[in-house]
């Protein structure tokens, strides 16, 4: 067994003291040896401390080595499993990479196809949007036209209402006029005189026998009386225009002088009635018109005695003035 340096030194010093018991060691030498001995003791203690630390380190290393051995024994299968799993993952990664590359190529084709369809759809949408904008423009124009037409329609409707109001007023005037004429000529109705309303006008129809002798145009006394009563009504109603029409039958009239045919007879009879009416100073002659219709506006086209008698007549047509209505029509 090896000894440490301090132990050898102590043994040597002890042997020297035993061999030389009777020798006197110089003090200086003794002090040197004592100091050397003390130094050796210090070195020994230091070495012992280092040895103890080394033992502890050795023990720690042994424990670590045991732990490593245990870990190695434990981690070996895990390492092998992990290596296997790594290999599997690597193979899987390779397959996935290959699949991804194929999918990428396929995806590129699909993307190009989708992009093409998208462009077509965008173009179609743009065309539809343009068409929609055009339709909206046309709709706006039509709406503006409709608003204009609506305004015009409302304006015309207002005018129509105004016209209708005037016509209603006219109808009331016509009915009132018919009543006045009928009341004034009440004694003559049924004796060759009739009063009717047609087309917004009052028709006073006088048969030939009430006014004239056959083929003559001079008004008889009874006819003058009837015309006088009618003139009084016309004088009281100044907004009435008067048309006197003379009518004959279809029997040719061969005469001489002023009356040569039915045209002459119808005109002369109408003129004779006008002159009697204007004897009333309340009637403005400008309101009166005389017209001869000859045989060409018969009431009955039959060739009988009764039909011809009916056709020989004088009609006095009374028409309310429509100045306001004409003004409205002129503005349209």
C-alpha atoms as a PDB file:
ATOM      1  CA  UNK A   1       0.000   0.000   0.000  1.00  0.00           C
ATOM      2  CA  UNK A   2       1.444   3.378  -1.025  1.00  0.00           C
ATOM      3  CA  UNK A   3       1.904   6.068   1.594  1.00  0.00           C
ATOM      4  CA  UNK A   4       1.556   9.768   1.163  1.00  0.00           C
ATOM      5  CA  UNK A   5       4.503  12.173   1.353  1.00  0.00           C
ATOM      6  CA  UNK A   6       3.598  13.603   4.780  1.00  0.00           C
ATOM      7  CA  UNK A   7       3.456  10.141   6.269  1.00  0.00           C
ATOM      8  CA  UNK A   8       6.903   9.229   4.929  1.00  0.00           C
ATOM      9  CA  UNK A   9       8.348  12.462   6.213  1.00  0.00           C
ATOM     10  CA  UNK A  10       6.935  11.926   9.681  1.00  0.00           C
ATOM     11  CA  UNK A  11       8.317   8.407   9.777  1.00  0.00           C
ATOM     12  CA  UNK A  12      11.726   9.577   8.714  1.00  0.00           C
ATOM     13  CA  UNK A  13      11.790  12.297  11.327  1.00  0.00           C
ATOM     14  CA  UNK A  14      10.727   9.848  14.024  1.00  0.00           C
ATOM     15  CA  UNK A  15      13.452   7.399  12.995  1.00  0.00           C
ATOM     16  CA  UNK A  16      16.055  10.113  13.050  1.00  0.00           C
ATOM     17  CA  UNK A  17      15.152  11.136  16.570  1.00  0.00           C
ATOM     18  CA  UNK A  18      15.355   7.542  17.700  1.00  0.00           C
ATOM     19  CA  UNK A  19      18.764   6.909  16.108  1.00  0.00           C
ATOM     20  CA  UNK A  20      20.302  10.024  17.319  1.00  0.00           C
ATOM     21  CA  UNK A  21      18.989  10.356  20.806  1.00  0.00           C
ATOM     22  CA  UNK A  22      22.206  11.557  22.184  1.00  0.00           C
ATOM     23  CA  UNK A  23      23.037  13.879  19.336  1.00  0.00           C
ATOM     24  CA  UNK A  24      22.344  17.424  19.753  1.00  0.00           C
ATOM     25  CA  UNK A  25      20.436  18.826  16.724  1.00  0.00           C
ATOM     26  CA  UNK A  26      21.145  22.416  16.057  1.00  0.00           C
ATOM     27  CA  UNK A  27      18.162  24.630  16.749  1.00  0.00           C
ATOM     28  CA  UNK A  28      18.143  26.149  13.326  1.00  0.00           C
ATOM     29  CA  UNK A  29      18.055  22.801  11.722  1.00  0.00           C
ATOM     30  CA  UNK A  30      15.370  21.714  14.089  1.00  0.00           C
ATOM     31  CA  UNK A  31      13.203  24.710  13.242  1.00  0.00           C
ATOM     32  CA  UNK A  32      13.630  24.018   9.581  1.00  0.00           C
ATOM     33  CA  UNK A  33      12.596  20.462  10.072  1.00  0.00           C
ATOM     34  CA  UNK A  34       9.659  21.540  12.232  1.00  0.00           C
ATOM     35  CA  UNK A  35       8.497  24.028   9.653  1.00  0.00           C
ATOM     36  CA  UNK A  36       8.976  21.481   6.938  1.00  0.00           C
ATOM     37  CA  UNK A  37       6.972  19.049   8.981  1.00  0.00           C
ATOM     38  CA  UNK A  38       4.207  21.567   9.553  1.00  0.00           C
ATOM     39  CA  UNK A  39       4.167  22.320   5.828  1.00  0.00           C
ATOM     40  CA  UNK A  40       3.965  18.641   5.113  1.00  0.00           C
ATOM     41  CA  UNK A  41       1.052  18.360   7.496  1.00  0.00           C
ATOM     42  CA  UNK A  42      -0.666  21.223   5.720  1.00  0.00           C
ATOM     43  CA  UNK A  43      -0.034  19.610   2.361  1.00  0.00           C
ATOM     44  CA  UNK A  44      -1.332  16.366   3.763  1.00  0.00           C
ATOM     45  CA  UNK A  45      -4.531  18.009   4.960  1.00  0.00           C
ATOM     46  CA  UNK A  46      -4.975  19.775   1.634  1.00  0.00           C
ATOM     47  CA  UNK A  47      -4.384  16.552  -0.223  1.00  0.00           C
ATOM     48  CA  UNK A  48      -6.799  14.769   2.080  1.00  0.00           C
ATOM     49  CA  UNK A  49      -9.427  17.422   1.385  1.00  0.00           C
ATOM     50  CA  UNK A  50      -8.805  17.079  -2.340  1.00  0.00           C
ATOM     51  CA  UNK A  51      -9.039  13.323  -1.958  1.00  0.00           C
ATOM     52  CA  UNK A  52     -12.355  13.616  -0.160  1.00  0.00           C
ATOM     53  CA  UNK A  53     -13.689  15.888  -2.889  1.00  0.00           C
ATOM     54  CA  UNK A  54     -12.458  13.470  -5.530  1.00  0.00           C
ATOM     55  CA  UNK A  55     -14.208  10.642  -3.725  1.00  0.00           C
ATOM     56  CA  UNK A  56     -17.428  12.639  -3.685  1.00  0.00           C
ATOM     57  CA  UNK A  57     -17.004  13.516  -7.363  1.00  0.00           C
ATOM     58  CA  UNK A  58     -16.266   9.897  -8.087  1.00  0.00           C
ATOM     59  CA  UNK A  59     -19.380   8.835  -6.253  1.00  0.00           C
ATOM     60  CA  UNK A  60     -21.416  11.431  -8.189  1.00  0.00           C
ATOM     61  CA  UNK A  61     -19.922  10.187 -11.426  1.00  0.00           C
ATOM     62  CA  UNK A  62     -20.758   6.607 -10.467  1.00  0.00           C
ATOM     63  CA  UNK A  63     -24.340   7.646  -9.738  1.00  0.00           C
ATOM     64  CA  UNK A  64     -24.523   9.595 -13.022  1.00  0.00           C
ATOM     65  CA  UNK A  65     -23.034   6.619 -14.830  1.00  0.00           C
ATOM     66  CA  UNK A  66     -25.659   4.375 -13.266  1.00  0.00           C
ATOM     67  CA  UNK A  67     -28.363   6.803 -14.214  1.00  0.00           C
ATOM     68  CA  UNK A  68     -27.001   7.031 -17.740  1.00  0.00           C
ATOM     69  CA  UNK A  69     -26.893   3.259 -17.939  1.00  0.00           C
ATOM     70  CA  UNK A  70     -30.461   3.116 -16.737  1.00  0.00           C
ATOM     71  CA  UNK A  71     -31.457   5.878 -19.173  1.00  0.00           C
ATOM     72  CA  UNK A  72     -29.639   4.076 -21.960  1.00  0.00           C
ATOM     73  CA  UNK A  73     -31.440   0.860 -21.130  1.00  0.00           C
ATOM     74  CA  UNK A  74     -34.726   2.711 -20.973  1.00  0.00           C
ATOM     75  CA  UNK A  75     -34.214   5.048 -23.923  1.00  0.00           C
ATOM     76  CA  UNK A  76     -32.834   2.432 -26.273  1.00  0.00           C
ATOM     77  CA  UNK A  77     -36.236   0.981 -27.267  1.00  0.00           C
ATOM     78  CA  UNK A  78     -37.695   4.491 -27.378  1.00  0.00           C
ATOM     79  CA  UNK A  79     -34.839   5.553 -29.629  1.00  0.00           C
ATOM     80  CA  UNK A  80     -35.386   2.592 -31.879  1.00  0.00           C
ATOM     81  CA  UNK A  81     -39.152   3.304 -31.937  1.00  0.00           C
ATOM     82  CA  UNK A  82     -38.486   6.971 -32.585  1.00  0.00           C
ATOM     83  CA  UNK A  83     -36.058   6.035 -35.380  1.00  0.00           C
ATOM     84  CA  UNK A  84     -38.748   3.794 -36.877  1.00  0.00           C
ATOM     85  CA  UNK A  85     -41.362   6.481 -36.547  1.00  0.00           C
ATOM     86  CA  UNK A  86     -38.944   8.964 -38.089  1.00  0.00           C
ATOM     87  CA  UNK A  87     -38.423   6.650 -41.035  1.00  0.00           C
ATOM     88  CA  UNK A  88     -42.190   6.241 -41.398  1.00  0.00           C
ATOM     89  CA  UNK A  89     -42.681   9.984 -41.191  1.00  0.00           C
ATOM     90  CA  UNK A  90     -39.967  10.508 -43.756  1.00  0.00           C
ATOM     91  CA  UNK A  91     -41.634   8.048 -46.122  1.00  0.00           C
ATOM     92  CA  UNK A  92     -44.983   9.675 -45.489  1.00  0.00           C
ATOM     93  CA  UNK A  93     -43.472  13.108 -46.065  1.00  0.00           C
ATOM     94  CA  UNK A  94     -42.018  11.875 -49.351  1.00  0.00           C
ATOM     95  CA  UNK A  95     -45.381  10.483 -50.461  1.00  0.00           C
ATOM     96  CA  UNK A  96     -47.173  13.655 -49.356  1.00  0.00           C
ATOM     97  CA  UNK A  97     -44.620  15.764 -51.222  1.00  0.00           C
ATOM     98  CA  UNK A  98     -45.216  13.740 -54.359  1.00  0.00           C
ATOM     99  CA  UNK A  99     -48.999  13.941 -53.887  1.00  0.00           C
ATOM    100  CA  UNK A 100     -48.735  17.651 -53.246  1.00  0.00           C
ATOM    101  CA  UNK A 101     -46.744  18.173 -56.430  1.00  0.00           C
ATOM    102  CA  UNK A 102     -49.320  16.213 -58.434  1.00  0.00           C
ATOM    103  CA  UNK A 103     -52.113  18.092 -56.709  1.00  0.00           C
ATOM    104  CA  UNK A 104     -50.355  21.350 -57.412  1.00  0.00           C
ATOM    105  CA  UNK A 105     -50.181  20.545 -61.125  1.00  0.00           C
ATOM    106  CA  UNK A 106     -53.832  19.492 -61.088  1.00  0.00           C
ATOM    107  CA  UNK A 107     -54.722  22.579 -59.028  1.00  0.00           C
ATOM    108  CA  UNK A 108     -52.968  24.808 -61.549  1.00  0.00           C
ATOM    109  CA  UNK A 109     -55.160  23.378 -64.304  1.00  0.00           C
ATOM    110  CA  UNK A 110     -58.255  23.736 -62.179  1.00  0.00           C
ATOM    111  CA  UNK A 111     -57.260  27.259 -61.185  1.00  0.00           C
ATOM    112  CA  UNK A 112     -56.708  28.221 -64.828  1.00  0.00           C
ATOM    113  CA  UNK A 113     -60.081  26.691 -65.663  1.00  0.00           C
ATOM    114  CA  UNK A 114     -61.742  28.495 -62.782  1.00  0.00           C
ATOM    115  CA  UNK A 115     -60.024  31.734 -63.740  1.00  0.00           C
ATOM    116  CA  UNK A 116     -61.275  31.309 -67.316  1.00  0.00           C
ATOM    117  CA  UNK A 117     -64.798  30.684 -66.086  1.00  0.00           C
ATOM    118  CA  UNK A 118     -64.431  33.638 -63.737  1.00  0.00           C
ATOM    119  CA  UNK A 119     -63.403  35.880 -66.638  1.00  0.00           C
ATOM    120  CA  UNK A 120     -66.376  34.675 -68.668  1.00  0.00           C
ATOM    121  CA  UNK A 121     -68.659  35.238 -65.720  1.00  0.00           C
ATOM    122  CA  UNK A 122     -67.168  38.694 -65.188  1.00  0.00           C
ATOM    123  CA  UNK A 123     -67.706  39.538 -68.861  1.00  0.00           C
ATOM    124  CA  UNK A 124     -71.253  38.202 -68.678  1.00  0.00           C
ATOM    125  CA  UNK A 125     -71.893  40.211 -65.525  1.00  0.00           C
ATOM    126  CA  UNK A 126     -70.425  43.299 -67.160  1.00  0.00           C
ATOM    127  CA  UNK A 127     -72.654  42.804 -70.193  1.00  0.00           C
ATOM    128  CA  UNK A 128     -75.665  42.344 -67.948  1.00  0.00           C
ATOM    129  CA  UNK A 129     -74.657  45.377 -65.916  1.00  0.00           C
ATOM    130  CA  UNK A 130     -74.336  47.421 -69.104  1.00  0.00           C
ATOM    131  CA  UNK A 131     -77.729  46.146 -70.241  1.00  0.00           C
ATOM    132  CA  UNK A 132     -79.146  46.949 -66.815  1.00  0.00           C
ATOM    133  CA  UNK A 133     -77.690  50.450 -66.937  1.00  0.00           C
ATOM    134  CA  UNK A 134     -79.189  50.882 -70.400  1.00  0.00           C
ATOM    135  CA  UNK A 135     -82.541  49.637 -69.164  1.00  0.00           C
ATOM    136  CA  UNK A 136     -82.328  51.949 -66.151  1.00  0.00           C
ATOM    137  CA  UNK A 137     -81.567  54.835 -68.497  1.00  0.00           C
ATOM    138  CA  UNK A 138     -84.478  53.888 -70.748  1.00  0.00           C
ATOM    139  CA  UNK A 139     -86.659  53.442 -67.671  1.00  0.00           C
ATOM    140  CA  UNK A 140     -85.652  56.881 -66.418  1.00  0.00           C
ATOM    141  CA  UNK A 141     -86.453  58.367 -69.823  1.00  0.00           C
ATOM    142  CA  UNK A 142     -89.772  56.538 -69.948  1.00  0.00           C
ATOM    143  CA  UNK A 143     -90.518  57.634 -66.395  1.00  0.00           C
ATOM    144  CA  UNK A 144     -89.758  61.217 -67.384  1.00  0.00           C
ATOM    145  CA  UNK A 145     -91.999  60.805 -70.424  1.00  0.00           C
ATOM    146  CA  UNK A 146     -94.626  59.188 -68.223  1.00  0.00           C
ATOM    147  CA  UNK A 147     -94.403  62.065 -65.759  1.00  0.00           C
ATOM    148  CA  UNK A 148     -94.736  64.480 -68.668  1.00  0.00           C
ATOM    149  CA  UNK A 149     -97.663  62.536 -70.098  1.00  0.00           C
ATOM    150  CA  UNK A 150     -99.198  62.327 -66.641  1.00  0.00           C
ATOM    151  CA  UNK A 151     -98.891  66.073 -66.253  1.00  0.00           C
ATOM    152  CA  UNK A 152    -100.374  66.575 -69.699  1.00  0.00           C
ATOM    153  CA  UNK A 153    -103.090  64.050 -68.885  1.00  0.00           C
ATOM    154  CA  UNK A 154    -103.890  65.840 -65.666  1.00  0.00           C
ATOM    155  CA  UNK A 155    -103.979  69.131 -67.535  1.00  0.00           C
ATOM    156  CA  UNK A 156    -106.225  67.645 -70.213  1.00  0.00           C
ATOM    157  CA  UNK A 157    -108.338  66.010 -67.551  1.00  0.00           C
ATOM    158  CA  UNK A 158    -108.740  69.390 -65.903  1.00  0.00           C
ATOM    159  CA  UNK A 159    -109.720  70.866 -69.265  1.00  0.00           C
ATOM    160  CA  UNK A 160    -112.013  67.922 -69.895  1.00  0.00           C
ATOM    161  CA  UNK A 161    -113.647  68.477 -66.536  1.00  0.00           C
ATOM    162  CA  UNK A 162    -113.998  72.114 -67.458  1.00  0.00           C
ATOM    163  CA  UNK A 163    -115.500  71.155 -70.819  1.00  0.00           C
ATOM    164  CA  UNK A 164    -117.781  68.669 -69.126  1.00  0.00           C
ATOM    165  CA  UNK A 165    -118.856  71.340 -66.686  1.00  0.00           C
ATOM    166  CA  UNK A 166    -119.603  73.684 -69.585  1.00  0.00           C
ATOM    167  CA  UNK A 167    -121.445  70.915 -71.440  1.00  0.00           C
ATOM    168  CA  UNK A 168    -123.419  70.091 -68.311  1.00  0.00           C
ATOM    169  CA  UNK A 169    -124.252  73.751 -67.970  1.00  0.00           C
ATOM    170  CA  UNK A 170    -125.162  73.820 -71.662  1.00  0.00           C
ATOM    171  CA  UNK A 171    -127.425  70.797 -71.213  1.00  0.00           C
ATOM    172  CA  UNK A 172    -129.124  72.531 -68.333  1.00  0.00           C
ATOM    173  CA  UNK A 173    -129.517  75.643 -70.470  1.00  0.00           C
ATOM    174  CA  UNK A 174    -130.897  73.564 -73.350  1.00  0.00           C
ATOM    175  CA  UNK A 175    -133.406  71.808 -71.117  1.00  0.00           C
ATOM    176  CA  UNK A 176    -134.432  75.093 -69.557  1.00  0.00           C
ATOM    177  CA  UNK A 177    -134.747  76.625 -73.038  1.00  0.00           C
ATOM    178  CA  UNK A 178    -136.854  73.711 -74.249  1.00  0.00           C
ATOM    179  CA  UNK A 179    -139.167  74.192 -71.309  1.00  0.00           C
ATOM    180  CA  UNK A 180    -139.497  77.910 -71.966  1.00  0.00           C
ATOM    181  CA  UNK A 181    -140.215  77.315 -75.651  1.00  0.00           C
ATOM    182  CA  UNK A 182    -142.681  74.542 -74.861  1.00  0.00           C
ATOM    183  CA  UNK A 183    -144.417  76.741 -72.297  1.00  0.00           C
ATOM    184  CA  UNK A 184    -144.564  79.673 -74.748  1.00  0.00           C
ATOM    185  CA  UNK A 185    -145.891  77.507 -77.587  1.00  0.00           C
ATOM    186  CA  UNK A 186    -148.016  75.269 -75.440  1.00  0.00           C
ATOM    187  CA  UNK A 187    -151.182  76.093 -77.362  1.00  0.00           C
ATOM    188  CA  UNK A 188    -149.607  75.083 -80.684  1.00  0.00           C
ATOM    189  CA  UNK A 189    -148.070  71.743 -79.740  1.00  0.00           C
ATOM    190  CA  UNK A 190    -150.054  68.923 -81.269  1.00  0.00           C
ATOM    191  CA  UNK A 191    -151.327  71.252 -83.992  1.00  0.00           C
ATOM    192  CA  UNK A 192    -148.387  70.950 -86.330  1.00  0.00           C
ATOM    193  CA  UNK A 193    -145.695  72.126 -83.864  1.00  0.00           C
ATOM    194  CA  UNK A 194    -143.299  70.025 -81.806  1.00  0.00           C
ATOM    195  CA  UNK A 195    -140.387  70.904 -79.505  1.00  0.00           C
ATOM    196  CA  UNK A 196    -137.579  68.366 -79.031  1.00  0.00           C
ATOM    197  CA  UNK A 197    -133.977  68.217 -77.852  1.00  0.00           C
ATOM    198  CA  UNK A 198    -131.461  66.533 -80.148  1.00  0.00           C
ATOM    199  CA  UNK A 199    -127.657  66.681 -80.062  1.00  0.00           C
ATOM    200  CA  UNK A 200    -127.666  69.377 -77.408  1.00  0.00           C
ATOM    201  CA  UNK A 201    -129.997  71.632 -79.384  1.00  0.00           C
ATOM    202  CA  UNK A 202    -133.665  72.585 -79.184  1.00  0.00           C
ATOM    203  CA  UNK A 203    -135.567  71.770 -82.374  1.00  0.00           C
ATOM    204  CA  UNK A 204    -138.830  73.660 -82.956  1.00  0.00           C
ATOM    205  CA  UNK A 205    -140.433  71.908 -85.911  1.00  0.00           C
ATOM    206  CA  UNK A 206    -143.429  73.588 -87.631  1.00  0.00           C
ATOM    207  CA  UNK A 207    -145.393  71.713 -90.256  1.00  0.00           C
ATOM    208  CA  UNK A 208    -146.275  73.451 -93.512  1.00  0.00           C
ATOM    209  CA  UNK A 209    -149.951  73.770 -92.627  1.00  0.00           C
ATOM    210  CA  UNK A 210    -149.107  75.846 -89.534  1.00  0.00           C
ATOM    211  CA  UNK A 211    -147.151  78.478 -91.487  1.00  0.00           C
ATOM    212  CA  UNK A 212    -147.718  78.326 -95.235  1.00  0.00           C
ATOM    213  CA  UNK A 213    -150.167  77.511 -97.925  1.00  0.00           C
ATOM    214  CA  UNK A 214    -149.079  74.862-100.431  1.00  0.00           C
ATOM    215  CA  UNK A 215    -146.338  76.174-102.687  1.00  0.00           C
ATOM    216  CA  UNK A 216    -146.311  79.604-100.941  1.00  0.00           C
ATOM    217  CA  UNK A 217    -143.753  81.342 -98.684  1.00  0.00           C
ATOM    218  CA  UNK A 218    -145.964  83.976 -97.024  1.00  0.00           C
ATOM    219  CA  UNK A 219    -146.539  83.127 -93.320  1.00  0.00           C
ATOM    220  CA  UNK A 220    -150.221  82.951 -92.355  1.00  0.00           C
ATOM    221  CA  UNK A 221    -151.799  84.563 -89.293  1.00  0.00           C
ATOM    222  CA  UNK A 222    -151.611  81.497 -87.065  1.00  0.00           C
ATOM    223  CA  UNK A 223    -147.970  81.018 -87.955  1.00  0.00           C
ATOM    224  CA  UNK A 224    -147.203  84.664 -87.200  1.00  0.00           C
ATOM    225  CA  UNK A 225    -148.794  84.243 -83.777  1.00  0.00           C
ATOM    226  CA  UNK A 226    -146.657  81.185 -82.996  1.00  0.00           C
ATOM    227  CA  UNK A 227    -143.489  82.854 -84.270  1.00  0.00           C
ATOM    228  CA  UNK A 228    -144.268  85.958 -82.194  1.00  0.00           C
ATOM    229  CA  UNK A 229    -144.405  83.904 -78.998  1.00  0.00           C
ATOM    230  CA  UNK A 230    -141.142  82.163 -79.957  1.00  0.00           C
ATOM    231  CA  UNK A 231    -139.530  85.545 -80.708  1.00  0.00           C
ATOM    232  CA  UNK A 232    -140.379  86.708 -77.189  1.00  0.00           C
ATOM    233  CA  UNK A 233    -138.532  83.711 -75.721  1.00  0.00           C
ATOM    234  CA  UNK A 234    -135.504  84.353 -77.980  1.00  0.00           C
ATOM    235  CA  UNK A 235    -135.464  88.021 -76.994  1.00  0.00           C
ATOM    236  CA  UNK A 236    -135.260  87.008 -73.334  1.00  0.00           C
ATOM    237  CA  UNK A 237    -132.461  84.492 -73.976  1.00  0.00           C
ATOM    238  CA  UNK A 238    -129.798  86.410 -75.853  1.00  0.00           C
ATOM    239  CA  UNK A 239    -127.086  83.691 -75.676  1.00  0.00           C
ATOM    240  CA  UNK A 240    -128.983  81.546 -78.170  1.00  0.00           C
ATOM    241  CA  UNK A 241    -128.058  81.210 -81.845  1.00  0.00           C
ATOM    242  CA  UNK A 242    -130.965  80.554 -84.196  1.00  0.00           C
ATOM    243  CA  UNK A 243    -130.889  78.570 -87.434  1.00  0.00           C
ATOM    244  CA  UNK A 244    -134.037  78.489 -89.571  1.00  0.00           C
ATOM    245  CA  UNK A 245    -134.170  75.654 -92.115  1.00  0.00           C
ATOM    246  CA  UNK A 246    -136.793  75.330 -94.806  1.00  0.00           C
ATOM    247  CA  UNK A 247    -137.648  71.798 -96.036  1.00  0.00           C
ATOM    248  CA  UNK A 248    -139.850  70.620 -98.910  1.00  0.00           C
ATOM    249  CA  UNK A 249    -141.071  67.283-100.219  1.00  0.00           C
ATOM    250  CA  UNK A 250    -139.670  65.584-103.305  1.00  0.00           C
ATOM    251  CA  UNK A 251    -142.469  66.643-105.651  1.00  0.00           C
ATOM    252  CA  UNK A 252    -140.875  68.849-108.336  1.00  0.00           C
ATOM    253  CA  UNK A 253    -142.046  72.470-108.263  1.00  0.00           C
ATOM    254  CA  UNK A 254    -142.442  74.076-111.665  1.00  0.00           C
ATOM    255  CA  UNK A 255    -142.966  77.750-111.135  1.00  0.00           C
ATOM    256  CA  UNK A 256    -142.116  81.094-112.542  1.00  0.00           C
ATOM    257  CA  UNK A 257    -140.753  84.334-111.144  1.00  0.00           C
ATOM    258  CA  UNK A 258    -139.034  84.120-107.741  1.00  0.00           C
ATOM    259  CA  UNK A 259    -140.052  80.534-106.968  1.00  0.00           C
ATOM    260  CA  UNK A 260    -138.812  78.202-109.679  1.00  0.00           C
ATOM    261  CA  UNK A 261    -138.041  74.993-107.712  1.00  0.00           C
ATOM    262  CA  UNK A 262    -137.985  73.461-104.236  1.00  0.00           C
ATOM    263  CA  UNK A 263    -134.622  75.115-103.466  1.00  0.00           C
ATOM    264  CA  UNK A 264    -136.120  78.531-103.959  1.00  0.00           C
ATOM    265  CA  UNK A 265    -139.218  77.615-101.970  1.00  0.00           C
ATOM    266  CA  UNK A 266    -137.222  76.273 -98.995  1.00  0.00           C
ATOM    267  CA  UNK A 267    -134.965  79.363 -98.913  1.00  0.00           C
ATOM    268  CA  UNK A 268    -137.818  81.827 -99.223  1.00  0.00           C
ATOM    269  CA  UNK A 269    -139.766  80.149 -96.429  1.00  0.00           C
ATOM    270  CA  UNK A 270    -136.737  80.244 -94.127  1.00  0.00           C
ATOM    271  CA  UNK A 271    -136.159  83.908 -94.986  1.00  0.00           C
ATOM    272  CA  UNK A 272    -139.842  84.742 -94.325  1.00  0.00           C
ATOM    273  CA  UNK A 273    -139.566  83.235 -90.824  1.00  0.00           C
ATOM    274  CA  UNK A 274    -136.352  85.203 -90.148  1.00  0.00           C
ATOM    275  CA  UNK A 275    -138.063  88.468 -91.070  1.00  0.00           C
ATOM    276  CA  UNK A 276    -140.973  87.820 -88.715  1.00  0.00           C
ATOM    277  CA  UNK A 277    -138.590  86.961 -85.839  1.00  0.00           C
ATOM    278  CA  UNK A 278    -136.564  90.134 -86.387  1.00  0.00           C
ATOM    279  CA  UNK A 279    -139.687  92.198 -86.010  1.00  0.00           C
ATOM    280  CA  UNK A 280    -139.015  91.746 -82.308  1.00  0.00           C
ATOM    281  CA  UNK A 281    -136.456  94.471 -81.538  1.00  0.00           C
ATOM    282  CA  UNK A 282    -134.984  92.390 -78.726  1.00  0.00           C
ATOM    283  CA  UNK A 283    -133.499  89.942 -81.211  1.00  0.00           C
ATOM    284  CA  UNK A 284    -130.148  90.764 -82.780  1.00  0.00           C
ATOM    285  CA  UNK A 285    -130.336  89.770 -86.488  1.00  0.00           C
ATOM    286  CA  UNK A 286    -126.742  88.578 -86.243  1.00  0.00           C
ATOM    287  CA  UNK A 287    -127.984  85.663 -84.148  1.00  0.00           C
ATOM    288  CA  UNK A 288    -130.187  84.395 -86.999  1.00  0.00           C
ATOM    289  CA  UNK A 289    -129.293  82.250 -90.015  1.00  0.00           C
ATOM    290  CA  UNK A 290    -131.686  81.253 -92.827  1.00  0.00           C
ATOM    291  CA  UNK A 291    -131.012  78.062 -94.822  1.00  0.00           C
ATOM    292  CA  UNK A 292    -132.915  76.189 -97.508  1.00  0.00           C
ATOM    293  CA  UNK A 293    -132.533  72.392 -97.490  1.00  0.00           C
ATOM    294  CA  UNK A 294    -134.998  71.685-100.308  1.00  0.00           C
ATOM    295  CA  UNK A 295    -136.066  68.021-100.400  1.00  0.00           C
ATOM    296  CA  UNK A 296    -132.724  66.524 -99.413  1.00  0.00           C
ATOM    297  CA  UNK A 297    -133.154  66.054 -95.671  1.00  0.00           C
ATOM    298  CA  UNK A 298    -136.481  64.200 -95.328  1.00  0.00           C
ATOM    299  CA  UNK A 299    -137.881  62.869 -92.090  1.00  0.00           C
ATOM    300  CA  UNK A 300    -139.569  60.019 -93.960  1.00  0.00           C
ATOM    301  CA  UNK A 301    -138.257  58.762 -97.301  1.00  0.00           C
ATOM    302  CA  UNK A 302    -141.499  57.010 -98.202  1.00  0.00           C
ATOM    303  CA  UNK A 303    -143.345  58.150-101.338  1.00  0.00           C
ATOM    304  CA  UNK A 304    -146.668  58.487 -99.558  1.00  0.00           C
ATOM    305  CA  UNK A 305    -148.894  61.461 -98.980  1.00  0.00           C
ATOM    306  CA  UNK A 306    -148.364  61.270 -95.225  1.00  0.00           C
ATOM    307  CA  UNK A 307    -144.548  61.058 -95.555  1.00  0.00           C
ATOM    308  CA  UNK A 308    -144.407  64.023 -97.922  1.00  0.00           C
ATOM    309  CA  UNK A 309    -146.618  66.080 -95.620  1.00  0.00           C
ATOM    310  CA  UNK A 310    -144.251  65.290 -92.757  1.00  0.00           C
ATOM    311  CA  UNK A 311    -141.232  66.354 -94.826  1.00  0.00           C
ATOM    312  CA  UNK A 312    -142.728  69.744 -95.709  1.00  0.00           C
ATOM    313  CA  UNK A 313    -141.692  71.629 -92.595  1.00  0.00           C
ATOM    314  CA  UNK A 314    -139.712  74.530 -91.168  1.00  0.00           C
ATOM    315  CA  UNK A 315    -137.259  73.771 -88.367  1.00  0.00           C
ATOM    316  CA  UNK A 316    -136.017  76.451 -85.997  1.00  0.00           C
ATOM    317  CA  UNK A 317    -132.866  75.126 -84.350  1.00  0.00           C
ATOM    318  CA  UNK A 318    -131.847  76.861 -81.111  1.00  0.00           C
ATOM    319  CA  UNK A 319    -128.222  76.434 -80.018  1.00  0.00           C
ATOM    320  CA  UNK A 320    -126.740  77.937 -76.836  1.00  0.00           C
ATOM    321  CA  UNK A 321    -123.573  79.911 -77.541  1.00  0.00           C
ATOM    322  CA  UNK A 322    -120.446  77.901 -76.738  1.00  0.00           C
ATOM    323  CA  UNK A 323    -117.895  80.705 -76.668  1.00  0.00           C
ATOM    324  CA  UNK A 324    -116.286  79.440 -73.478  1.00  0.00           C
ATOM    325  CA  UNK A 325    -116.135  75.918 -74.895  1.00  0.00           C
ATOM    326  CA  UNK A 326    -114.563  77.147 -78.127  1.00  0.00           C
ATOM    327  CA  UNK A 327    -111.958  79.120 -76.170  1.00  0.00           C
ATOM    328  CA  UNK A 328    -110.966  75.974 -74.295  1.00  0.00           C
ATOM    329  CA  UNK A 329    -110.816  73.976 -77.522  1.00  0.00           C
ATOM    330  CA  UNK A 330    -108.634  76.640 -79.129  1.00  0.00           C
ATOM    331  CA  UNK A 331    -106.145  76.428 -76.259  1.00  0.00           C
ATOM    332  CA  UNK A 332    -105.851  72.686 -76.895  1.00  0.00           C
END
